[in-house]
Protein backbone atom coordinates (compact mmCIF):
# COMPACT_ATOMS: atom_id res chain seq x y z
CA UNK A 1 111.03 65.34 111.46
CA UNK A 2 108.97 62.32 112.23
CA UNK A 3 107.25 64.31 115.37
CA UNK A 4 105.80 67.48 113.08
CA UNK A 5 102.61 65.43 114.29
CA UNK A 6 100.96 63.33 116.95
CA UNK A 7 98.62 61.07 116.54
CA UNK A 8 96.05 62.67 116.43
CA UNK A 9 97.13 64.78 114.41
CA UNK A 10 98.25 62.39 111.75
CA UNK A 11 95.34 60.69 111.91
CA UNK A 12 92.84 63.30 110.97
CA UNK A 13 95.00 64.33 108.26
CA UNK A 14 95.24 60.53 106.21
CA UNK A 15 91.61 60.23 107.11
CA UNK A 16 90.86 63.70 105.36
CA UNK A 17 93.17 62.92 102.22
CA UNK A 18 91.24 58.95 102.10
CA UNK A 19 87.67 60.85 102.15
CA UNK A 20 89.19 62.99 99.08
CA UNK A 21 90.66 60.47 97.56
CA UNK A 22 87.37 58.25 97.51
CA UNK A 23 85.86 61.96 96.22
CA UNK A 24 87.79 62.36 93.42
CA UNK A 25 87.72 58.85 92.19
CA UNK A 26 83.66 59.06 91.92
CA UNK A 27 84.44 62.82 90.30
CA UNK A 28 86.41 60.67 87.87
CA UNK A 29 83.60 58.60 87.34
CA UNK A 30 80.43 60.72 87.21
CA UNK A 31 82.12 63.81 85.40
CA UNK A 32 85.18 62.51 83.63
CA UNK A 33 85.86 60.00 80.30
CA UNK A 34 82.83 58.23 78.39
CA UNK A 35 82.35 54.72 76.83
CA UNK A 36 83.92 56.45 73.91
CA UNK A 37 88.03 56.40 74.51
CA UNK A 38 87.80 59.48 72.09
CA UNK A 39 86.64 61.09 74.89
CA UNK A 40 90.11 61.02 76.78
CA UNK A 41 91.06 63.00 74.33
CA UNK A 42 88.52 65.71 73.14
CA UNK A 43 87.77 68.74 74.58
CA UNK A 44 85.75 67.46 78.31
CA UNK A 45 87.14 69.96 79.61
CA UNK A 46 84.77 72.50 77.31
CA UNK A 47 81.76 71.54 79.77
CA UNK A 48 83.49 73.18 82.78
CA UNK A 49 82.56 77.00 82.63
CA UNK A 50 85.17 79.34 81.94
CA UNK A 51 85.52 80.65 84.85
CA UNK A 52 86.26 76.47 86.41
CA UNK A 53 89.21 76.55 83.54
CA UNK A 54 90.16 79.82 85.27
CA UNK A 55 90.97 78.21 88.26
CA UNK A 56 91.95 74.42 86.57
CA UNK A 57 94.24 76.62 85.00
CA UNK A 58 95.96 78.43 87.67
CA UNK A 59 95.88 74.96 89.78
CA UNK A 60 98.15 73.41 86.88
CA UNK A 61 100.66 76.24 87.40
CA UNK A 62 101.01 75.24 91.42
CA UNK A 63 102.73 72.60 92.19
CA UNK A 64 103.29 69.92 95.22
CA UNK A 65 107.31 71.82 94.49
CA UNK A 66 106.10 75.01 93.98
CA UNK A 67 104.17 74.94 98.03
CA UNK A 68 107.84 72.90 99.43
CA UNK A 69 110.22 73.60 97.49
CA UNK A 70 109.18 76.96 96.82
CA UNK A 71 108.69 78.41 100.08
CA UNK A 72 111.89 76.65 101.74
CA UNK A 73 113.58 78.80 98.94
CA UNK A 74 112.07 81.67 100.56
CA UNK A 75 112.46 80.94 104.18
CA UNK A 76 116.30 80.45 103.26
CA UNK A 77 117.25 82.76 100.93
CA UNK A 78 114.96 85.52 101.02
CA UNK A 79 115.34 87.90 97.91
CA UNK A 80 115.69 85.08 95.18
CA UNK A 81 113.01 82.79 96.17
CA UNK A 82 110.59 85.69 95.30
CA UNK A 83 112.72 86.66 92.09
CA UNK A 84 111.50 82.96 91.26
CA UNK A 85 107.70 84.03 91.85
CA UNK A 86 107.59 86.85 90.05
CA UNK A 87 109.31 85.13 87.16
CA UNK A 88 106.17 83.01 86.78
CA UNK A 89 103.83 85.79 87.26
CA UNK A 90 105.74 87.45 84.36
CA UNK A 91 105.14 84.26 82.35
CA UNK A 92 101.53 83.64 83.54
CA UNK A 93 100.97 87.47 82.13
CA UNK A 94 102.41 87.07 78.63
CA UNK A 95 100.77 82.91 78.36
CA UNK A 96 96.88 85.25 78.92
CA UNK A 97 98.56 87.81 76.62
CA UNK A 98 100.13 86.17 73.98
CA UNK A 99 99.39 82.45 73.36
CA UNK A 100 95.36 81.21 74.97
CA UNK A 101 93.42 82.59 72.25
CA UNK A 102 95.65 82.00 69.40
CA UNK A 103 96.55 78.50 70.59
CA UNK A 104 92.61 78.02 71.08
CA UNK A 105 92.20 79.31 68.05
CA UNK A 106 94.57 77.05 65.98
CA UNK A 107 94.53 73.59 68.14
CA UNK A 108 91.96 71.46 67.53
CA UNK A 109 93.61 68.86 70.18
CA UNK A 110 97.24 69.46 71.71
CA UNK A 111 99.81 72.19 70.68
CA UNK A 112 101.06 70.38 67.68
CA UNK A 113 98.07 70.85 65.22
CA UNK A 114 99.16 74.07 66.24
CA UNK A 115 102.11 74.01 64.15
CA UNK A 116 100.61 71.74 61.51
CA UNK A 117 97.65 74.44 60.71
CA UNK A 118 100.71 77.29 60.69
CA UNK A 119 101.79 74.98 57.87
CA UNK A 120 105.21 74.10 59.83
CA UNK A 121 104.06 71.01 60.71
CA UNK A 122 104.33 67.07 59.93
CA UNK A 123 104.72 64.09 61.06
CA UNK A 124 108.51 64.45 62.33
CA UNK A 125 107.96 67.38 64.30
CA UNK A 126 104.68 66.00 66.19
CA UNK A 127 106.95 62.78 67.11
CA UNK A 128 109.56 66.09 68.46
CA UNK A 129 107.24 68.03 70.34
CA UNK A 130 105.97 64.35 71.94
CA UNK A 131 109.29 63.45 73.04
CA UNK A 132 110.43 67.09 74.44
CA UNK A 133 106.87 67.25 75.96
CA UNK A 134 107.56 63.86 77.59
CA UNK A 135 111.28 64.88 78.90
CA UNK A 136 109.03 67.85 80.39
CA UNK A 137 106.84 65.78 82.01
CA UNK A 138 108.87 62.95 83.18
CA UNK A 139 111.27 64.56 84.89
CA UNK A 140 108.33 66.39 86.22
CA UNK A 141 105.93 63.98 87.71
CA UNK A 142 109.36 62.06 89.58
CA UNK A 143 110.33 65.37 91.67
CA UNK A 144 106.89 65.74 92.81
CA UNK A 145 105.65 62.22 93.69
CA UNK A 146 109.39 62.11 95.93
CA UNK A 147 108.39 65.20 97.74
CA UNK A 148 105.21 63.85 98.69
CA UNK A 149 106.47 60.13 99.37
CA UNK A 150 109.48 62.33 101.84
CA UNK A 151 106.50 64.23 103.42
CA UNK A 152 103.82 61.01 104.04
CA UNK A 153 106.81 58.99 105.15
CA UNK A 154 107.58 61.77 108.22
CA UNK A 155 103.57 62.96 108.67
CA UNK A 156 103.78 58.83 109.69
CA UNK A 157 106.68 59.00 111.01
CA UNK A 158 108.64 56.00 109.32
CA UNK A 159 111.56 56.85 106.62
CA UNK A 160 110.80 53.63 105.92
CA UNK A 161 107.89 53.49 104.42
CA UNK A 162 108.72 56.01 101.72
CA UNK A 163 109.01 53.58 98.71
CA UNK A 164 105.38 52.73 99.54
CA UNK A 165 104.06 56.30 100.25
CA UNK A 166 106.06 56.57 96.29
CA UNK A 167 103.92 53.56 94.78
CA UNK A 168 100.77 53.87 96.48
CA UNK A 169 100.44 57.45 95.84
CA UNK A 170 101.36 56.97 92.20
CA UNK A 171 98.99 54.11 91.65
CA UNK A 172 96.37 56.13 93.38
CA UNK A 173 96.81 58.91 90.72
CA UNK A 174 97.68 57.04 88.07
CA UNK A 175 93.94 55.67 88.28
CA UNK A 176 92.53 59.18 88.16
CA UNK A 177 94.34 60.37 85.51
CA UNK A 178 93.02 57.03 83.93
CA UNK A 179 89.54 57.01 84.74
CA UNK A 180 88.94 61.28 84.45
CA UNK A 181 89.78 62.22 81.30
CA UNK A 182 90.39 65.96 80.81
CA UNK A 183 87.13 67.12 82.35
CA UNK A 184 87.54 64.72 85.47
CA UNK A 185 91.25 65.57 86.06
CA UNK A 186 89.75 69.30 86.03
CA UNK A 187 87.27 68.29 88.36
CA UNK A 188 89.86 67.35 91.21
CA UNK A 189 92.16 70.42 90.00
CA UNK A 190 88.99 72.82 90.97
CA UNK A 191 88.35 71.36 93.82
CA UNK A 192 92.47 70.85 95.23
CA UNK A 193 92.35 74.97 94.26
CA UNK A 194 89.39 75.65 96.50
CA UNK A 195 91.13 73.59 99.90
CA UNK A 196 93.92 74.70 98.98
CA UNK A 197 94.65 78.37 98.36
CA UNK A 198 92.29 78.89 101.35
CA UNK A 199 94.38 77.39 103.64
CA UNK A 200 97.47 78.99 102.62
CA UNK A 201 95.79 82.68 102.79
CA UNK A 202 94.51 81.41 106.21
CA UNK A 203 98.87 80.44 107.65
CA UNK A 204 99.56 83.84 106.11
CA UNK A 205 96.58 86.12 108.33
CA UNK A 206 98.24 83.98 111.20
CA UNK A 207 102.13 85.51 110.44
CA UNK A 208 100.40 88.30 109.92
CA UNK A 209 98.64 88.64 112.76
CA UNK A 210 102.13 86.93 114.55
CA UNK A 211 103.30 90.60 113.86
CA UNK A 212 100.82 92.59 114.42
CA UNK A 213 100.44 93.03 110.76
CA UNK A 214 103.73 95.59 110.39
CA UNK A 215 105.11 94.11 107.42
CA UNK A 216 108.52 95.68 108.63
CA UNK A 217 109.06 93.62 111.73
CA UNK A 218 107.74 90.79 109.71
CA UNK A 219 111.18 91.11 107.57
CA UNK A 220 113.41 91.95 110.24
CA UNK A 221 112.62 89.42 112.32
CA UNK A 222 113.38 86.71 108.76
CA UNK A 223 116.04 88.81 108.72
CA UNK A 224 117.40 87.83 111.59
CA UNK A 225 116.04 84.61 112.03
CA UNK A 226 117.73 83.73 108.40
CA UNK A 227 121.22 84.19 109.70
CA UNK A 228 121.52 85.46 107.02
CA UNK A 229 120.66 89.48 108.49
CA UNK A 230 120.51 91.95 105.59
CA UNK A 231 121.52 89.78 102.55
CA UNK A 232 118.03 88.04 103.29
CA UNK A 233 116.58 91.18 101.49
CA UNK A 234 119.08 91.43 99.16
CA UNK A 235 120.18 89.71 95.95
CA UNK A 236 122.52 86.17 96.09
CA UNK A 237 121.52 84.41 99.05
CA UNK A 238 120.91 81.48 96.20
CA UNK A 239 121.93 82.61 92.87
CA UNK A 240 125.94 83.05 94.53
CA UNK A 241 128.18 86.60 93.92
CA UNK A 242 129.80 88.04 91.05
CA UNK A 243 128.98 87.68 87.50
CA UNK A 244 127.78 83.93 87.97
CA UNK A 245 125.44 85.12 90.41
CA UNK A 246 124.08 87.31 87.81
CA UNK A 247 123.44 85.59 85.19
CA UNK A 248 122.03 82.50 87.23
CA UNK A 249 119.18 85.47 88.25
CA UNK A 250 118.66 86.42 85.05
CA UNK A 251 118.85 83.03 84.00
CA UNK A 252 116.41 81.81 86.62
CA UNK A 253 113.14 84.75 85.97
CA UNK A 254 114.25 84.76 82.13
CA UNK A 255 113.85 80.50 82.01
CA UNK A 256 110.34 80.36 84.98
CA UNK A 257 108.83 83.34 82.28
CA UNK A 258 109.69 81.28 79.62
CA UNK A 259 108.41 77.76 80.74
CA UNK A 260 104.75 79.10 82.11
CA UNK A 261 103.78 79.87 78.67
CA UNK A 262 104.77 75.83 77.73
CA UNK A 263 103.79 74.12 80.64
CA UNK A 264 101.99 70.68 78.72
CA UNK A 265 98.91 70.81 81.10
CA UNK A 266 97.63 74.45 80.69
CA UNK A 267 98.32 74.49 76.95
CA UNK A 268 95.68 70.79 77.21
CA UNK A 269 93.77 73.22 78.64
CA UNK A 270 94.45 76.05 77.06
CA UNK A 271 92.81 74.78 73.70
CA UNK A 272 90.18 73.03 75.27
CA UNK A 273 88.79 76.92 76.06
CA UNK A 274 85.08 77.42 74.61
CA UNK A 275 85.72 81.33 73.07
CA UNK A 276 87.88 84.70 72.99
CA UNK A 277 85.66 85.92 75.51
CA UNK A 278 85.71 82.70 77.19
CA UNK A 279 89.48 82.85 76.80
CA UNK A 280 89.55 86.03 78.51
CA UNK A 281 87.15 85.14 81.13
CA UNK A 282 89.36 82.08 81.91
CA UNK A 283 92.69 84.40 82.35
CA UNK A 284 91.06 86.83 84.47
CA UNK A 285 90.14 83.39 87.55
CA UNK A 286 93.99 82.14 86.01
CA UNK A 287 95.63 85.82 86.84
CA UNK A 288 93.67 86.29 89.82
CA UNK A 289 94.18 83.07 91.78
CA UNK A 290 97.48 82.98 91.04
CA UNK A 291 98.24 86.29 92.50
CA UNK A 292 96.79 85.41 95.55
CA UNK A 293 98.12 82.16 95.79
CA UNK A 294 102.28 84.06 95.58
CA UNK A 295 101.09 86.54 97.76
CA UNK A 296 100.32 83.86 99.89
CA UNK A 297 103.17 81.65 99.26
CA UNK A 298 105.51 85.00 99.94
CA UNK A 299 104.06 86.08 103.45
CA UNK A 300 103.95 82.19 104.82
CA UNK A 301 108.31 81.59 103.16
CA UNK A 302 109.30 84.97 105.19
CA UNK A 303 107.30 83.85 108.28
CA UNK A 304 108.62 80.71 108.44
CA UNK A 305 112.24 82.65 108.10
CA UNK A 306 110.96 84.63 111.24
CA UNK A 307 109.82 81.86 112.75
CA UNK A 308 111.47 78.77 111.68
CA UNK A 309 114.70 80.23 110.63
CA UNK A 310 117.19 78.21 113.63
CA UNK A 311 115.41 75.10 112.72
CA UNK A 312 116.14 75.10 108.44
CA UNK A 313 120.05 76.32 109.33
CA UNK A 314 120.39 72.90 111.73
CA UNK A 315 118.30 70.73 109.35
CA UNK A 316 120.03 71.23 105.60
CA UNK A 317 118.72 71.92 102.52
CA UNK A 318 116.79 68.16 102.49
CA UNK A 319 114.76 70.06 105.56
CA UNK A 320 113.30 72.42 102.71
CA UNK A 321 110.02 70.71 101.30
CA UNK A 322 109.05 70.38 105.83
CA UNK A 323 109.30 74.72 105.39
CA UNK A 324 105.10 74.83 105.75
CA UNK A 325 104.69 71.70 107.82
CA UNK A 326 107.56 73.61 110.12
CA UNK A 327 105.32 76.81 110.22
CA UNK A 328 102.44 75.67 111.21
CA UNK A 329 104.02 73.57 113.82
CA UNK A 330 104.94 77.50 115.10
CA UNK A 331 101.54 78.72 114.52
CA UNK A 332 99.22 76.17 116.51
CA UNK A 333 100.57 74.44 119.49
CA UNK A 334 97.20 72.12 118.74
CA UNK A 335 98.66 70.78 115.22
CA UNK A 336 95.20 71.46 113.58
CA UNK A 337 97.24 74.24 111.73
CA UNK A 338 99.87 71.67 110.81
CA UNK A 339 97.89 69.06 109.95
CA UNK A 340 95.24 71.04 107.61
CA UNK A 341 98.24 72.05 105.15
CA UNK A 342 99.72 68.44 105.47
CA UNK A 343 97.21 67.58 103.56
CA UNK A 344 97.34 70.88 101.26
CA UNK A 345 100.73 69.23 100.25
CA UNK A 346 98.84 66.30 99.67
CA UNK A 347 95.82 67.34 97.37
CA UNK A 348 98.37 69.78 95.32
CA UNK A 349 100.35 66.78 94.57
CA UNK A 350 97.60 64.62 93.92
CA UNK A 351 96.06 67.00 91.10
CA UNK A 352 99.47 68.01 90.13
CA UNK A 353 100.42 64.68 88.95
CA UNK A 354 96.59 63.44 87.69
CA UNK A 355 96.83 66.36 85.38
CA UNK A 356 100.77 66.05 84.39
CA UNK A 357 100.10 62.53 83.60
CA UNK A 358 97.05 62.80 81.10
CA UNK A 359 99.22 65.23 79.10
CA UNK A 360 101.50 62.99 79.18
CA UNK A 361 99.19 60.34 78.27
CA UNK A 362 97.98 62.53 74.66
CA UNK A 363 101.24 63.54 74.04
CA UNK A 364 102.47 59.83 74.06
CA UNK A 365 99.55 58.47 72.60
CA UNK A 366 98.45 61.03 70.35
CA UNK A 367 101.13 63.30 68.81
CA UNK A 368 104.72 59.92 69.14
CA UNK A 369 102.91 56.52 69.18
CA UNK A 370 99.73 57.72 66.56
CA UNK A 371 101.91 60.41 63.95
CA UNK A 372 101.90 58.01 61.62
CA UNK A 373 100.03 57.21 58.99
CA UNK A 374 96.88 58.89 57.86
CA UNK A 375 94.20 60.96 59.87
CA UNK A 376 92.97 57.22 60.64
CA UNK A 377 95.35 56.40 63.35
CA UNK A 378 92.89 59.05 65.07
CA UNK A 379 89.71 56.50 66.09
CA UNK A 380 92.78 54.89 68.82
CA UNK A 381 93.74 58.07 70.16
CA UNK A 382 91.64 57.64 73.68
CA UNK A 383 92.90 53.68 73.37
CA UNK A 384 96.55 54.77 73.07
CA UNK A 385 95.99 57.63 75.77
CA UNK A 386 94.63 55.74 78.44
CA UNK A 387 97.47 53.00 78.16
CA UNK A 388 99.86 56.09 77.57
CA UNK A 389 98.71 57.63 80.94
CA UNK A 390 98.88 54.84 82.98
CA UNK A 391 102.55 53.72 81.31
CA UNK A 392 103.55 57.33 82.40
CA UNK A 393 102.55 57.38 85.78
CA UNK A 394 103.87 54.20 87.00
CA UNK A 395 107.11 54.63 84.99
CA UNK A 396 106.91 57.49 87.20
CA UNK A 397 106.38 56.21 90.31
CA UNK A 398 109.24 53.50 89.74
CA UNK A 399 112.05 55.72 89.00
CA UNK A 400 110.28 57.53 91.70
CA UNK A 401 111.68 55.17 93.73
CA UNK A 402 115.28 54.77 92.47
CA UNK A 403 115.80 58.52 92.55
CA UNK A 404 114.17 59.38 96.04
CA UNK A 405 117.25 60.65 97.20
CA UNK A 406 119.17 62.37 94.59
CA UNK A 407 119.71 66.35 94.27
CA UNK A 408 116.05 67.31 93.74
CA UNK A 409 116.37 71.11 92.15
CA UNK A 410 118.89 69.91 89.51
CA UNK A 411 115.26 67.34 87.33
CA UNK A 412 113.38 70.03 88.45
CA UNK A 413 116.06 72.90 86.32
CA UNK A 414 115.68 69.68 83.68
CA UNK A 415 112.55 70.21 83.11
CA UNK A 416 112.39 74.23 83.49
CA UNK A 417 115.16 74.38 80.88
CA UNK A 418 113.46 71.90 78.31
CA UNK A 419 110.38 73.60 78.38
CA UNK A 420 111.45 77.49 78.47
CA UNK A 421 114.29 76.16 75.25
CA UNK A 422 112.30 73.70 73.27
CA UNK A 423 108.88 74.33 74.24
CA UNK A 424 107.71 78.07 74.00
CA UNK A 425 110.45 78.93 70.85
CA UNK A 426 108.44 76.61 69.03
CA UNK A 427 105.71 77.84 70.61
CA UNK A 428 106.08 81.53 69.45
CA UNK A 429 107.45 81.14 66.30
CA UNK A 430 104.38 79.41 65.19
CA UNK A 431 101.83 82.28 66.55
CA UNK A 432 103.53 85.06 65.25
CA UNK A 433 106.39 84.36 62.60
CA UNK A 434 104.69 83.69 59.19
CA UNK A 435 108.29 82.67 57.74
CA UNK A 436 108.52 79.82 60.56
CA UNK A 437 109.21 75.82 58.81
CA UNK A 438 108.97 72.50 59.62
CA UNK A 439 113.13 72.54 59.89
CA UNK A 440 112.88 75.37 62.05
CA UNK A 441 110.73 73.67 64.36
CA UNK A 442 112.91 70.73 64.44
CA UNK A 443 116.22 72.81 65.05
CA UNK A 444 114.64 74.39 68.13
CA UNK A 445 113.31 70.99 69.32
CA UNK A 446 116.34 69.01 69.73
CA UNK A 447 119.26 71.55 69.66
CA UNK A 448 117.74 73.52 72.46
CA UNK A 449 116.93 69.76 74.41
CA UNK A 450 120.69 69.54 73.65
CA UNK A 451 122.13 72.42 74.44
CA UNK A 452 120.28 71.68 78.30
CA UNK A 453 121.32 69.01 78.73
CA UNK A 454 124.81 69.48 78.10
CA UNK A 455 125.19 73.44 80.09
CA UNK A 456 123.28 71.18 83.04
CA UNK A 457 125.85 68.25 82.59
CA UNK A 458 129.00 70.58 82.53
CA UNK A 459 127.59 72.54 85.81
CA UNK A 460 127.90 71.62 89.76
CA UNK A 461 124.70 69.76 89.66
CA UNK A 462 126.39 67.30 87.97
CA UNK A 463 129.30 66.97 89.68
CA UNK A 464 132.30 69.24 92.27
CA UNK A 465 130.35 69.13 94.37
CA UNK A 466 129.22 67.20 97.56
CA UNK A 467 125.96 67.57 96.54
CA UNK A 468 125.89 66.89 93.53
CA UNK A 469 124.84 64.06 91.44
CA UNK A 470 128.39 62.30 91.25
CA UNK A 471 130.37 64.17 93.73
CA UNK A 472 133.37 62.02 93.45
CA UNK A 473 134.28 63.12 89.82
CA UNK A 474 134.65 66.81 88.34
CA UNK A 475 133.71 67.70 84.98
CA UNK A 476 132.85 71.29 85.26
CA UNK A 477 133.06 73.93 82.85
CA UNK A 478 131.05 76.75 84.07
CA UNK A 479 129.68 77.18 87.69
CA UNK A 480 126.08 78.31 86.36
CA UNK A 481 123.76 76.31 87.52
CA UNK A 482 120.28 77.88 85.90
CA UNK A 483 121.73 78.36 82.80
CA UNK A 484 118.06 79.75 81.02
CA UNK A 485 120.39 83.08 79.50
CA UNK A 486 122.15 80.78 77.73
CA UNK A 487 119.36 78.50 76.46
CA UNK A 488 116.77 80.17 75.93
CA UNK A 489 118.53 82.40 73.55
CA UNK A 490 120.09 78.82 71.66
CA UNK A 491 116.48 77.83 71.10
CA UNK A 492 115.12 81.14 69.95
CA UNK A 493 118.28 80.78 67.45
CA UNK A 494 118.48 77.03 66.04
CA UNK A 495 114.02 77.55 65.04
CA UNK A 496 115.53 80.46 63.27
CA UNK A 497 118.29 79.37 61.84
CA UNK A 498 116.43 76.17 60.89
CA UNK A 499 114.08 77.98 58.62
CA UNK A 500 116.00 81.28 57.33
CA UNK A 501 118.41 78.35 55.89
CA UNK A 502 115.55 75.89 54.34
CA UNK A 503 115.74 74.96 51.07
CA UNK A 504 112.03 74.18 50.72
CA UNK A 505 111.08 77.69 52.09
CA UNK A 506 109.28 79.42 49.37
CA UNK A 507 106.80 82.22 49.62
CA UNK A 508 104.13 79.40 51.42
CA UNK A 509 105.41 79.94 54.22
CA UNK A 510 104.27 83.61 54.16
CA UNK A 511 100.19 82.93 53.16
CA UNK A 512 100.28 80.28 55.63
CA UNK A 513 99.22 81.91 58.17
CA UNK A 514 95.97 82.47 56.58
CA UNK A 515 95.64 78.70 56.47
CA UNK A 516 91.87 78.28 58.11
CA UNK A 517 91.79 77.16 61.27
CA UNK A 518 92.10 74.02 61.97
CA UNK A 519 88.97 72.10 62.16
CA UNK A 520 87.77 70.84 66.09
CA UNK A 521 86.54 67.49 66.31
């Protein structure tokens, strides 16, 4: 992978990336939080227009893993990779229909505000939500930094420089998150989308042009290039066969759908939408961006199977993160497309980590550190969130260095499982079930987290296979690697059971639905 770029293309990539970072720093300083520390966590992004907010939220759902690992999954497994994309889009539709407007109406800064307003909150629930949110954000940050560190080292032609790349990029992204606030990071996200989406669409058009615009020819070439033949167009390439494969496929689509409902960075921006009409405008722009993006990624993935499938098979699973770059080299010998796609990877990682770092910092500062005592502690929300964002970003960079050689799929599965099984059920119950109580929220948050961790510990991700975290041991209890079909229902069941067995549950909870909306600060 050291010959992805020649020296001139490599210089172009890092020149463009450096210019972009400098521009983003300037934008964050100009448009970000002002001298009032509380501005960091206030809804400064309301100054963004609704269509801009929609583009930013669409970008929030797109990480560097989406552009690399997901495209690589489509290129190597075909149908199963496309199923993951479908699950994400279904999750976005449900989010726009079920979540965005009522969440905006009841929450002022973070999602626990909704729980307080609906009668199922409190300090303990706020802390639990904050801790689980951090458990979602931290693995996501680690995955982003490891992927972009590997890509940066390969583009430099110096694999030994991976550690330095992770540290430098992590520090830059942390600085952007701390200095920009919600509005500043929104500008970064919009700029990223304005660059990344056209490049990916151009790559998809070039793939179609290579095969004369004939999708049949493209799919036939992909089936042949993937080495799996007709199995490329059938389920099972990634999830497996038999009952295990069926459970994995259902769990993958179900888990992705539910996880998309409660991604912390997306919730942070949804709360800041201006009005019901603005929320609908946000939804249209967000959905339009993601439909176009996933369509382009699907074509790019299938094109990679057709044009560089042999290279991917020979290089092994670790080469999946380089799939877009390998395709770019196959489509353009001059290196310009490779350079453009490399910039897309850098910019996607930059924007995603900046937003997730900010969401984690606000959660740590407001929902965990400031959860005790009265709301007089809210005066320190901004300062606490700034320091929390800085601490979270730097700690993620340090952990990414240590975990750089781990199987990143298990890390990604952990944050997706927690998001879909713990956060999403609490969010939906709080919005639509008047009888949902604080005890139900606690049971769902802590119980679903425990179920997710145990499900992954007893799976092949932890032991029993050469790609496991501990390949020398075997304490598997099942062969299911994507436990969404178990963890998500468990989360809903725990939330229901905790609420109906709550001794303090009275008729009061049935009328808390009419509690006045949380006053926005």
